[in-house]
Each structure stands twice: as structure tokens, then as C-alpha cells.
C-alpha atoms as a PDB file:
ATOM      1  CA  MET A   1      -8.363  -3.011  -1.064  1.00  0.00           C
ATOM      2  CA  ALA A   2      -8.121  -5.188   0.905  1.00  0.00           C
ATOM      3  CA  VAL A   3      -4.493  -7.097   1.084  1.00  0.00           C
ATOM      4  CA  HIS A   4      -3.394 -10.095   2.273  1.00  0.00           C
ATOM      5  CA  ALA A   5       0.040 -10.999   3.647  1.00  0.00           C
ATOM      6  CA  THR A   6       3.166 -11.937   5.324  1.00  0.00           C
ATOM      7  CA  ILE A   7       5.388  -9.228   6.465  1.00  0.00           C
ATOM      8  CA  GLY A   8       8.114 -10.552   9.111  1.00  0.00           C
ATOM      9  CA  GLY A   9       6.396 -13.743   9.613  1.00  0.00           C
ATOM     10  CA  LYS A  10       2.461 -12.207  10.511  1.00  0.00           C
ATOM     11  CA  THR A  11       0.196 -13.232   8.980  1.00  0.00           C
ATOM     12  CA  GLY A  12      -3.820 -11.429   8.392  1.00  0.00           C
ATOM     13  CA  SER A  13      -4.511  -8.991   6.964  1.00  0.00           C
ATOM     14  CA  PHE A  14      -5.438  -5.179   7.008  1.00  0.00           C
ATOM     15  CA  ALA A  15      -7.083  -2.397   4.192  1.00  0.00           C
ATOM     16  CA  VAL A  16      -5.135  -0.002   2.318  1.00  0.00           C
ATOM     17  CA  ARG A  17      -6.203   3.391   0.458  1.00  0.00           C
ATOM     18  CA  ALA A  18      -5.807   4.823  -2.558  1.00  0.00           C
ATOM     19  CA  THR A  19      -6.396   8.002  -4.356  1.00  0.00           C
ATOM     20  CA  GLY A  20      -4.509   9.191  -7.359  1.00  0.00           C
ATOM     21  CA  MET A  21      -4.389  10.969 -10.802  1.00  0.00           C
ATOM     22  CA  TYR A  22      -3.961  10.648 -14.489  1.00  0.00           C
ATOM     23  CA  ASP A  23      -2.399  13.331 -16.682  1.00  0.00           C
ATOM     24  CA  GLY A  24      -0.915  11.216 -19.069  1.00  0.00           C
ATOM     25  CA  THR A  25       1.260  10.874 -16.205  1.00  0.00           C
ATOM     26  CA  VAL A  26      -0.429   8.145 -13.341  1.00  0.00           C
ATOM     27  CA  ARG A  27       0.201   8.816  -9.554  1.00  0.00           C
ATOM     28  CA  THR A  28      -1.021   7.215  -6.930  1.00  0.00           C
ATOM     29  CA  THR A  29      -1.055   7.341  -3.312  1.00  0.00           C
ATOM     30  CA  TRP A  30      -1.496   5.178  -0.689  1.00  0.00           C
ATOM     31  CA  ASP A  31      -2.552   4.982   3.367  1.00  0.00           C
ATOM     32  CA  VAL A  32      -3.119   1.473   5.020  1.00  0.00           C
ATOM     33  CA  VAL A  33      -6.530   2.476   6.947  1.00  0.00           C
ATOM     34  CA  GLU A  34      -5.864   2.613  10.733  1.00  0.00           C
ATOM     35  CA  GLY A  35      -7.438  -0.061  12.605  1.00  0.00           C
ATOM     36  CA  SER A  36      -7.706  -2.696   9.732  1.00  0.00           C
ATOM     37  CA  GLY A  37      -4.650  -4.873  10.289  1.00  0.00           C
ATOM     38  CA  THR A  38      -6.123  -7.672  11.877  1.00  0.00           C
ATOM     39  CA  ARG A  39      -4.359 -11.212  13.212  1.00  0.00           C
ATOM     40  CA  GLY A  40      -0.837 -11.025  13.100  1.00  0.00           C
ATOM     41  CA  LEU A  41      -1.052  -7.616  11.444  1.00  0.00           C
ATOM     42  CA  ALA A  42      -2.612  -5.657  13.437  1.00  0.00           C
ATOM     43  CA  GLY A  43      -1.949  -2.210  14.526  1.00  0.00           C
ATOM     44  CA  ILE A  44       0.026  -1.808  11.407  1.00  0.00           C
ATOM     45  CA  LYS A  45      -0.126   1.228   9.644  1.00  0.00           C
ATOM     46  CA  GLY A  46       2.561   2.689   6.546  1.00  0.00           C
ATOM     47  CA  THR A  47       2.278   4.810   3.208  1.00  0.00           C
ATOM     48  CA  GLY A  48       3.763   4.485  -0.156  1.00  0.00           C
ATOM     49  CA  GLY A  49       2.293   5.059  -4.388  1.00  0.00           C
ATOM     50  CA  TYR A  50       2.955   4.058  -7.893  1.00  0.00           C
ATOM     51  CA  PHE A  51       4.526   6.104 -10.640  1.00  0.00           C
ATOM     52  CA  LEU A  52       3.742   5.877 -14.365  1.00  0.00           C
ATOM     53  CA  PRO A  53       6.177   7.963 -15.920  1.00  0.00           C
ATOM     54  CA  LYS A  54       3.305   9.697 -19.273  1.00  0.00           C
ATOM     55  CA  GLY A  55       4.735   7.430 -22.466  1.00  0.00           C
ATOM     56  CA  HIS A  56       6.119   4.597 -20.029  1.00  0.00           C
ATOM     57  CA  LYS A  57       3.882   1.320 -20.628  1.00  0.00           C
ATOM     58  CA  ASP A  58       5.808  -1.456 -18.519  1.00  0.00           C
ATOM     59  CA  ALA A  59       5.458  -1.756 -14.869  1.00  0.00           C
ATOM     60  CA  SER A  60       6.829   1.212 -12.736  1.00  0.00           C
ATOM     61  CA  GLU A  61       7.776  -0.053  -9.534  1.00  0.00           C
ATOM     62  CA  ALA A  62       5.682  -0.387  -5.856  1.00  0.00           C
ATOM     63  CA  VAL A  63       6.121   0.754  -3.096  1.00  0.00           C
ATOM     64  CA  LEU A  64       4.380  -0.204   0.689  1.00  0.00           C
ATOM     65  CA  GLU A  65       6.013   0.462   3.997  1.00  0.00           C
ATOM     66  CA  VAL A  66       5.059  -0.268   6.783  1.00  0.00           C
ATOM     67  CA  GLU A  67       5.675  -0.725  10.533  1.00  0.00           C
ATOM     68  CA  PHE A  68       3.963  -2.204  13.455  1.00  0.00           C
ATOM     69  CA  ALA A  69       2.734  -0.002  17.289  1.00  0.00           C
ATOM     70  CA  SER A  70       4.771  -1.258  19.692  1.00  0.00           C
END
């Protein structure tokens, strides 16, 4: 998925690869695609995910933690 964002005052885009499974519970992990950052987000890397327990219909928390190459 493509993400267009401003993070810490830096604006650009990057790609995220999502993998997951569904067995009544939704589990998804995300990885920033290496080398995909543009403009101010060049050098971005990170991981995250999403979890929604079985039986819940409300939105759950999604987290993507990122850092920049020094």
C-alpha cells in the first residue's frame, strides 16, 4: 500500500507491505519496503501491524513505528 505522509515535519511517500491472516481474528503485520521512501521520507524504515480480536466489530488500534537511516 502507498502511504503519503508528513512525519516529524518531513513530507513524502513510502510503500508498506502487508501480510496477515484471518481465523475469526484479524492479524496483520506491516513492513516499510526498503528504499521506497521519497523526498523527506527517503531512508525510512519500520514495522507495525493491526489486530482485531474475534467477535469485535469496532476499530482496533493500528501502529506503524518508523525511523530514518542516519
